[in-house]
Amino acid sequence: MLKVDKLNKTFKTDGGDVHAVRDVTFHAADGEMVAIIGASGSGKSTLLSLLGLLDSPDEGSIEMNGTQLAHLDSSGRTKYRSRQVGFVFQAFNLIPNLSAKENVKLALEFAEWPKEGRDARADEMLTMVGLGPDKAQRRPNKLSGGEQQRVAIARAFAAQPQLILADEPTGSLDKATGQKIVQLLREAANTLKTTVLVVTHDERVAKQADRRLEIDDGVLQEIA
């Protein structure tokens, strides 16, 4: 379970302090998909960066299955990002000169997954998202946008992370393809018992989550 308590982040700018995240407190269970919605500049991306340990909070705690994360040292943060959290981005962020399968295997390498099991695990994850052997051998530029996002999901889940952070995962896809991607995230969360947080501005995407949270001017609250 993910537990976040009184998380705060302030940025100093020439125009004064910007309170990007203010006393954010929430939890998310294993296997649960939670949507975080909000307007541009509301604090969504900052919150995701904090949860992914890409940035450090000024105050507050982040706990994953009993382990405190917010103030890990550099080595601990790197290990967490490679083994315990998976990222899915709007822009896919696949490595262009690697095949779909090689992109997934690279995540397993970073997570120090046993070398002899990487091939089978990559095949398993690509099959889970509906990509067969033919698509697995293609480079990203030979795949559609929806297929590239499927590869990104397979990569994110490959090393059995405890948390998936999806930042506008349907933003560059058409409506029908986006719907399928959200369904894939839900199914993967339920099957693998991984907590999934989806940041989105699309209300249609948010409504498919188990719970919805809204952030406004850095303040997070649950939507009934």
C-alpha atoms as a PDB file:
ATOM      1  CA  MET A   1       0.000   0.000   0.000  1.00  0.00           C
ATOM      2  CA  LEU A   2       1.106   3.530  -0.798  1.00  0.00           C
ATOM      3  CA  LYS A   3       0.683   6.032   2.031  1.00  0.00           C
ATOM      4  CA  VAL A   4       1.404   9.729   1.554  1.00  0.00           C
ATOM      5  CA  ASP A   5       1.229  12.052   4.527  1.00  0.00           C
ATOM      6  CA  LYS A   6       1.397  15.870   4.586  1.00  0.00           C
ATOM      7  CA  LEU A   7       3.607  16.138   1.511  1.00  0.00           C
ATOM      8  CA  ASN A   8       4.791  19.666   0.673  1.00  0.00           C
ATOM      9  CA  LYS A   9       6.898  21.125  -2.127  1.00  0.00           C
ATOM     10  CA  THR A  10       7.632  24.807  -2.731  1.00  0.00           C
ATOM     11  CA  PHE A  11       9.656  26.285  -5.580  1.00  0.00           C
ATOM     12  CA  LYS A  12      11.345  29.660  -5.293  1.00  0.00           C
ATOM     13  CA  THR A  13      10.966  31.849  -8.380  1.00  0.00           C
ATOM     14  CA  ASP A  14      11.699  35.451  -9.288  1.00  0.00           C
ATOM     15  CA  GLY A  15       7.998  36.128  -8.825  1.00  0.00           C
ATOM     16  CA  GLY A  16       7.924  34.618  -5.345  1.00  0.00           C
ATOM     17  CA  ASP A  17       7.340  31.205  -3.809  1.00  0.00           C
ATOM     18  CA  VAL A  18       5.192  28.692  -5.712  1.00  0.00           C
ATOM     19  CA  HIS A  19       3.513  26.154  -3.429  1.00  0.00           C
ATOM     20  CA  ALA A  20       3.206  23.288  -5.916  1.00  0.00           C
ATOM     21  CA  VAL A  21       2.108  20.634  -3.404  1.00  0.00           C
ATOM     22  CA  ARG A  22       0.397  21.527  -0.118  1.00  0.00           C
ATOM     23  CA  ASP A  23      -0.108  19.049   2.723  1.00  0.00           C
ATOM     24  CA  VAL A  24      -1.052  16.222   0.341  1.00  0.00           C
ATOM     25  CA  THR A  25      -2.302  13.167   2.208  1.00  0.00           C
ATOM     26  CA  PHE A  26      -3.805  10.046   0.624  1.00  0.00           C
ATOM     27  CA  HIS A  27      -3.411   6.287   0.316  1.00  0.00           C
ATOM     28  CA  ALA A  28      -3.735   3.733  -2.484  1.00  0.00           C
ATOM     29  CA  ALA A  29      -4.076  -0.014  -2.014  1.00  0.00           C
ATOM     30  CA  ASP A  30      -2.273  -2.812  -3.831  1.00  0.00           C
ATOM     31  CA  GLY A  31      -4.041  -3.537  -7.115  1.00  0.00           C
ATOM     32  CA  GLU A  32      -5.952  -0.254  -7.006  1.00  0.00           C
ATOM     33  CA  MET A  33      -6.060   2.239  -9.872  1.00  0.00           C
ATOM     34  CA  VAL A  34      -6.359   5.856  -8.713  1.00  0.00           C
ATOM     35  CA  ALA A  35      -6.820   8.819 -11.049  1.00  0.00           C
ATOM     36  CA  ILE A  36      -5.438  12.247 -10.188  1.00  0.00           C
ATOM     37  CA  ILE A  37      -7.037  15.052 -12.168  1.00  0.00           C
ATOM     38  CA  GLY A  38      -6.420  18.781 -12.271  1.00  0.00           C
ATOM     39  CA  ALA A  39      -5.825  21.723 -14.550  1.00  0.00           C
ATOM     40  CA  SER A  40      -2.445  22.617 -16.022  1.00  0.00           C
ATOM     41  CA  GLY A  41      -0.212  24.012 -13.286  1.00  0.00           C
ATOM     42  CA  SER A  42      -2.299  22.508 -10.477  1.00  0.00           C
ATOM     43  CA  GLY A  43       0.555  20.382  -9.129  1.00  0.00           C
ATOM     44  CA  LYS A  44      -0.099  17.028 -10.849  1.00  0.00           C
ATOM     45  CA  SER A  45       3.340  16.643 -12.414  1.00  0.00           C
ATOM     46  CA  THR A  46       5.139  17.818  -9.284  1.00  0.00           C
ATOM     47  CA  LEU A  47       3.264  15.262  -7.186  1.00  0.00           C
ATOM     48  CA  LEU A  48       4.153  12.491  -9.616  1.00  0.00           C
ATOM     49  CA  SER A  49       7.821  13.534  -9.552  1.00  0.00           C
ATOM     50  CA  LEU A  50       7.810  13.363  -5.770  1.00  0.00           C
ATOM     51  CA  LEU A  51       6.178   9.922  -5.707  1.00  0.00           C
ATOM     52  CA  GLY A  52       8.667   8.653  -8.292  1.00  0.00           C
ATOM     53  CA  LEU A  53      11.565  10.117  -6.274  1.00  0.00           C
ATOM     54  CA  LEU A  54      12.567  12.263  -9.232  1.00  0.00           C
ATOM     55  CA  ASP A  55      12.392  15.179  -6.780  1.00  0.00           C
ATOM     56  CA  SER A  56      12.427  15.513  -2.989  1.00  0.00           C
ATOM     57  CA  PRO A  57       9.662  16.965  -0.817  1.00  0.00           C
ATOM     58  CA  ASP A  58      10.317  19.809   1.582  1.00  0.00           C
ATOM     59  CA  GLU A  59       8.165  18.079   4.201  1.00  0.00           C
ATOM     60  CA  GLY A  60       6.069  14.974   4.592  1.00  0.00           C
ATOM     61  CA  SER A  61       6.414  11.234   4.107  1.00  0.00           C
ATOM     62  CA  ILE A  62       5.961   8.678   1.335  1.00  0.00           C
ATOM     63  CA  GLU A  63       5.597   5.082   2.486  1.00  0.00           C
ATOM     64  CA  MET A  64       5.352   2.016   0.257  1.00  0.00           C
ATOM     65  CA  ASN A  65       4.477  -1.250   1.972  1.00  0.00           C
ATOM     66  CA  GLY A  66       6.037  -0.067   5.225  1.00  0.00           C
ATOM     67  CA  THR A  67       9.218   1.433   3.735  1.00  0.00           C
ATOM     68  CA  GLN A  68       9.789   5.180   4.071  1.00  0.00           C
ATOM     69  CA  LEU A  69      10.895   6.611   0.731  1.00  0.00           C
ATOM     70  CA  ALA A  70      10.928  10.406   0.833  1.00  0.00           C
ATOM     71  CA  HIS A  71      14.379  10.786   2.346  1.00  0.00           C
ATOM     72  CA  LEU A  72      16.303   7.843   0.905  1.00  0.00           C
ATOM     73  CA  ASP A  73      19.901   8.561  -0.089  1.00  0.00           C
ATOM     74  CA  SER A  74      20.957   8.702  -3.744  1.00  0.00           C
ATOM     75  CA  SER A  75      21.685   4.979  -3.969  1.00  0.00           C
ATOM     76  CA  GLY A  76      18.383   4.065  -2.348  1.00  0.00           C
ATOM     77  CA  ARG A  77      16.440   6.366  -4.668  1.00  0.00           C
ATOM     78  CA  THR A  78      18.078   4.851  -7.754  1.00  0.00           C
ATOM     79  CA  LYS A  79      17.293   1.334  -6.559  1.00  0.00           C
ATOM     80  CA  TYR A  80      13.681   2.301  -5.851  1.00  0.00           C
ATOM     81  CA  ARG A  81      13.197   3.822  -9.316  1.00  0.00           C
ATOM     82  CA  SER A  82      14.658   0.795 -11.096  1.00  0.00           C
ATOM     83  CA  ARG A  83      12.974  -1.939  -9.040  1.00  0.00           C
ATOM     84  CA  GLN A  84       9.888  -0.679  -7.240  1.00  0.00           C
ATOM     85  CA  VAL A  85       8.304   1.913  -9.528  1.00  0.00           C
ATOM     86  CA  GLY A  86       7.387   1.868 -13.211  1.00  0.00           C
ATOM     87  CA  PHE A  87       6.710   4.931 -15.357  1.00  0.00           C
ATOM     88  CA  VAL A  88       4.319   5.318 -18.299  1.00  0.00           C
ATOM     89  CA  PHE A  89       4.565   8.630 -20.160  1.00  0.00           C
ATOM     90  CA  GLN A  90       2.418  10.391 -22.753  1.00  0.00           C
ATOM     91  CA  ALA A  91       5.363  10.436 -25.174  1.00  0.00           C
ATOM     92  CA  PHE A  92       6.089   6.672 -24.673  1.00  0.00           C
ATOM     93  CA  ASN A  93       9.851   7.331 -24.158  1.00  0.00           C
ATOM     94  CA  LEU A  94      10.915   4.132 -25.889  1.00  0.00           C
ATOM     95  CA  ILE A  95      14.505   3.821 -27.091  1.00  0.00           C
ATOM     96  CA  PRO A  96      14.208   4.144 -30.895  1.00  0.00           C
ATOM     97  CA  ASN A  97      17.076   1.868 -31.928  1.00  0.00           C
ATOM     98  CA  LEU A  98      15.855  -1.050 -29.788  1.00  0.00           C
ATOM     99  CA  SER A  99      13.041  -3.453 -30.611  1.00  0.00           C
ATOM    100  CA  ALA A 100       9.924  -3.617 -28.465  1.00  0.00           C
ATOM    101  CA  LYS A 101      11.275  -6.694 -26.710  1.00  0.00           C
ATOM    102  CA  GLU A 102      14.690  -5.111 -26.178  1.00  0.00           C
ATOM    103  CA  ASN A 103      13.028  -2.059 -24.591  1.00  0.00           C
ATOM    104  CA  VAL A 104      11.290  -4.328 -22.080  1.00  0.00           C
ATOM    105  CA  LYS A 105      14.448  -6.334 -21.442  1.00  0.00           C
ATOM    106  CA  LEU A 106      16.383  -3.135 -20.735  1.00  0.00           C
ATOM    107  CA  ALA A 107      14.044  -2.365 -17.835  1.00  0.00           C
ATOM    108  CA  LEU A 108      14.701  -5.862 -16.498  1.00  0.00           C
ATOM    109  CA  GLU A 109      18.445  -5.292 -16.799  1.00  0.00           C
ATOM    110  CA  PHE A 110      18.236  -2.055 -14.817  1.00  0.00           C
ATOM    111  CA  ALA A 111      16.216  -3.903 -12.162  1.00  0.00           C
ATOM    112  CA  GLU A 112      18.907  -6.634 -12.058  1.00  0.00           C
ATOM    113  CA  TRP A 113      16.374  -9.285 -13.037  1.00  0.00           C
ATOM    114  CA  PRO A 114      18.115 -12.696 -13.425  1.00  0.00           C
ATOM    115  CA  LYS A 115      19.713 -12.680 -16.866  1.00  0.00           C
ATOM    116  CA  GLU A 116      18.506 -16.133 -17.833  1.00  0.00           C
ATOM    117  CA  GLY A 117      14.883 -15.142 -17.219  1.00  0.00           C
ATOM    118  CA  ARG A 118      14.740 -11.846 -19.104  1.00  0.00           C
ATOM    119  CA  ASP A 119      13.722 -13.259 -22.500  1.00  0.00           C
ATOM    120  CA  ALA A 120      10.798 -15.201 -21.092  1.00  0.00           C
ATOM    121  CA  ARG A 121       9.672 -12.318 -18.887  1.00  0.00           C
ATOM    122  CA  ALA A 122       9.752  -9.830 -21.777  1.00  0.00           C
ATOM    123  CA  ASP A 123       7.716 -12.229 -23.938  1.00  0.00           C
ATOM    124  CA  GLU A 124       5.242 -12.732 -21.089  1.00  0.00           C
ATOM    125  CA  MET A 125       4.708  -9.005 -20.575  1.00  0.00           C
ATOM    126  CA  LEU A 126       4.341  -8.228 -24.279  1.00  0.00           C
ATOM    127  CA  THR A 127       1.803 -11.031 -24.571  1.00  0.00           C
ATOM    128  CA  MET A 128      -0.057  -9.577 -21.587  1.00  0.00           C
ATOM    129  CA  VAL A 129      -0.521  -6.279 -23.470  1.00  0.00           C
ATOM    130  CA  GLY A 130      -1.536  -8.025 -26.690  1.00  0.00           C
ATOM    131  CA  LEU A 131       1.691  -7.889 -28.705  1.00  0.00           C
ATOM    132  CA  GLY A 132       2.860 -11.122 -30.310  1.00  0.00           C
ATOM    133  CA  PRO A 133       6.326 -12.227 -31.496  1.00  0.00           C
ATOM    134  CA  ASP A 134       6.111 -10.260 -34.765  1.00  0.00           C
ATOM    135  CA  LYS A 135       5.426  -6.924 -33.053  1.00  0.00           C
ATOM    136  CA  ALA A 136       7.981  -7.735 -30.336  1.00  0.00           C
ATOM    137  CA  GLN A 137      10.805  -7.635 -32.884  1.00  0.00           C
ATOM    138  CA  ARG A 138       9.806  -4.265 -34.367  1.00  0.00           C
ATOM    139  CA  ARG A 139      11.402  -0.962 -33.482  1.00  0.00           C
ATOM    140  CA  PRO A 140       9.124   1.815 -32.160  1.00  0.00           C
ATOM    141  CA  ASN A 141       8.892   3.622 -35.522  1.00  0.00           C
ATOM    142  CA  LYS A 142       7.332   0.486 -37.014  1.00  0.00           C
ATOM    143  CA  LEU A 143       4.586   0.402 -34.378  1.00  0.00           C
ATOM    144  CA  SER A 144       1.438   2.518 -34.062  1.00  0.00           C
ATOM    145  CA  GLY A 145       1.042   4.961 -31.193  1.00  0.00           C
ATOM    146  CA  GLY A 146      -1.215   2.553 -29.346  1.00  0.00           C
ATOM    147  CA  GLU A 147       1.254  -0.292 -29.827  1.00  0.00           C
ATOM    148  CA  GLN A 148       4.115   1.858 -28.555  1.00  0.00           C
ATOM    149  CA  GLN A 149       2.114   2.670 -25.431  1.00  0.00           C
ATOM    150  CA  ARG A 150       1.467  -1.054 -24.951  1.00  0.00           C
ATOM    151  CA  VAL A 151       5.229  -1.619 -25.048  1.00  0.00           C
ATOM    152  CA  ALA A 152       5.660   1.162 -22.489  1.00  0.00           C
ATOM    153  CA  ILE A 153       3.122  -0.541 -20.208  1.00  0.00           C
ATOM    154  CA  ALA A 154       4.849  -3.913 -20.618  1.00  0.00           C
ATOM    155  CA  ARG A 155       8.158  -2.251 -19.751  1.00  0.00           C
ATOM    156  CA  ALA A 156       6.703  -0.493 -16.715  1.00  0.00           C
ATOM    157  CA  PHE A 157       5.238  -3.684 -15.233  1.00  0.00           C
ATOM    158  CA  ALA A 158       8.080  -6.016 -16.240  1.00  0.00           C
ATOM    159  CA  ALA A 159      10.148  -5.957 -13.051  1.00  0.00           C
ATOM    160  CA  GLN A 160       7.087  -6.433 -10.807  1.00  0.00           C
ATOM    161  CA  PRO A 161       7.117  -2.909  -9.334  1.00  0.00           C
ATOM    162  CA  GLN A 162       4.946  -2.010  -6.376  1.00  0.00           C
ATOM    163  CA  LEU A 163       3.839   1.253  -7.993  1.00  0.00           C
ATOM    164  CA  ILE A 164       3.068   2.446 -11.531  1.00  0.00           C
ATOM    165  CA  LEU A 165       3.012   6.188 -12.251  1.00  0.00           C
ATOM    166  CA  ALA A 166       1.241   6.991 -15.516  1.00  0.00           C
ATOM    167  CA  ASP A 167       1.501  10.607 -16.682  1.00  0.00           C
ATOM    168  CA  GLU A 168      -1.227  11.402 -19.256  1.00  0.00           C
ATOM    169  CA  PRO A 169      -0.841   7.913 -20.801  1.00  0.00           C
ATOM    170  CA  THR A 170      -3.656   8.484 -23.318  1.00  0.00           C
ATOM    171  CA  GLY A 171      -2.836  12.107 -24.154  1.00  0.00           C
ATOM    172  CA  SER A 172      -1.345  11.431 -27.598  1.00  0.00           C
ATOM    173  CA  LEU A 173      -3.789   8.670 -28.584  1.00  0.00           C
ATOM    174  CA  ASP A 174      -7.191   8.700 -30.223  1.00  0.00           C
ATOM    175  CA  LYS A 175     -10.255   8.050 -28.066  1.00  0.00           C
ATOM    176  CA  ALA A 176     -10.695   4.353 -28.899  1.00  0.00           C
ATOM    177  CA  THR A 177      -7.010   3.527 -28.469  1.00  0.00           C
ATOM    178  CA  GLY A 178      -6.859   5.524 -25.239  1.00  0.00           C
ATOM    179  CA  GLN A 179      -9.795   3.513 -23.904  1.00  0.00           C
ATOM    180  CA  LYS A 180      -7.930   0.276 -24.578  1.00  0.00           C
ATOM    181  CA  ILE A 181      -4.796   1.589 -22.861  1.00  0.00           C
ATOM    182  CA  VAL A 182      -6.758   2.474 -19.714  1.00  0.00           C
ATOM    183  CA  GLN A 183      -8.315  -0.997 -19.731  1.00  0.00           C
ATOM    184  CA  LEU A 184      -4.847  -2.523 -20.011  1.00  0.00           C
ATOM    185  CA  LEU A 185      -3.647  -0.535 -17.004  1.00  0.00           C
ATOM    186  CA  ARG A 186      -6.667  -1.659 -14.985  1.00  0.00           C
ATOM    187  CA  GLU A 187      -6.232  -5.299 -15.947  1.00  0.00           C
ATOM    188  CA  ALA A 188      -2.506  -5.241 -15.208  1.00  0.00           C
ATOM    189  CA  ALA A 189      -3.113  -3.617 -11.822  1.00  0.00           C
ATOM    190  CA  ASN A 190      -5.705  -6.235 -10.902  1.00  0.00           C
ATOM    191  CA  THR A 191      -3.675  -9.174 -12.187  1.00  0.00           C
ATOM    192  CA  LEU A 192      -0.289  -8.157 -10.785  1.00  0.00           C
ATOM    193  CA  LYS A 193      -1.631  -6.409  -7.643  1.00  0.00           C
ATOM    194  CA  THR A 194       0.334  -3.274  -8.453  1.00  0.00           C
ATOM    195  CA  THR A 195      -0.837   0.169  -7.339  1.00  0.00           C
ATOM    196  CA  VAL A 196      -1.453   2.390 -10.378  1.00  0.00           C
ATOM    197  CA  LEU A 197      -1.695   6.193 -10.226  1.00  0.00           C
ATOM    198  CA  VAL A 198      -2.875   7.850 -13.436  1.00  0.00           C
ATOM    199  CA  VAL A 199      -2.450  11.597 -13.849  1.00  0.00           C
ATOM    200  CA  THR A 200      -4.908  12.853 -16.443  1.00  0.00           C
ATOM    201  CA  HIS A 201      -6.930  15.853 -17.525  1.00  0.00           C
ATOM    202  CA  ASP A 202      -9.426  13.555 -19.300  1.00  0.00           C
ATOM    203  CA  GLU A 203     -12.531  13.004 -17.197  1.00  0.00           C
ATOM    204  CA  ARG A 204     -13.412   9.927 -19.260  1.00  0.00           C
ATOM    205  CA  VAL A 205     -10.149   8.300 -18.239  1.00  0.00           C
ATOM    206  CA  ALA A 206     -10.568   9.321 -14.598  1.00  0.00           C
ATOM    207  CA  LYS A 207     -14.039   7.774 -14.381  1.00  0.00           C
ATOM    208  CA  GLN A 208     -12.593   4.350 -15.166  1.00  0.00           C
ATOM    209  CA  ALA A 209     -10.370   4.392 -12.090  1.00  0.00           C
ATOM    210  CA  ASP A 210     -11.349   2.825  -8.776  1.00  0.00           C
ATOM    211  CA  ARG A 211     -11.066   6.234  -7.131  1.00  0.00           C
ATOM    212  CA  ARG A 212     -10.613   9.822  -8.268  1.00  0.00           C
ATOM    213  CA  LEU A 213      -8.582  12.552  -6.601  1.00  0.00           C
ATOM    214  CA  GLU A 214      -8.468  16.175  -7.710  1.00  0.00           C
ATOM    215  CA  ILE A 215      -5.565  18.544  -7.179  1.00  0.00           C
ATOM    216  CA  ASP A 216      -6.079  22.302  -7.313  1.00  0.00           C
ATOM    217  CA  ASP A 217      -3.354  24.816  -6.472  1.00  0.00           C
ATOM    218  CA  GLY A 218      -1.384  22.014  -4.850  1.00  0.00           C
ATOM    219  CA  VAL A 219      -4.245  20.828  -2.613  1.00  0.00           C
ATOM    220  CA  LEU A 220      -5.486  17.260  -3.119  1.00  0.00           C
ATOM    221  CA  GLN A 221      -8.956  16.013  -2.246  1.00  0.00           C
ATOM    222  CA  GLU A 222     -11.029  12.946  -3.060  1.00  0.00           C
ATOM    223  CA  ILE A 223     -13.979  13.155  -5.426  1.00  0.00           C
ATOM    224  CA  ALA A 224     -17.012  11.262  -4.162  1.00  0.00           C
END
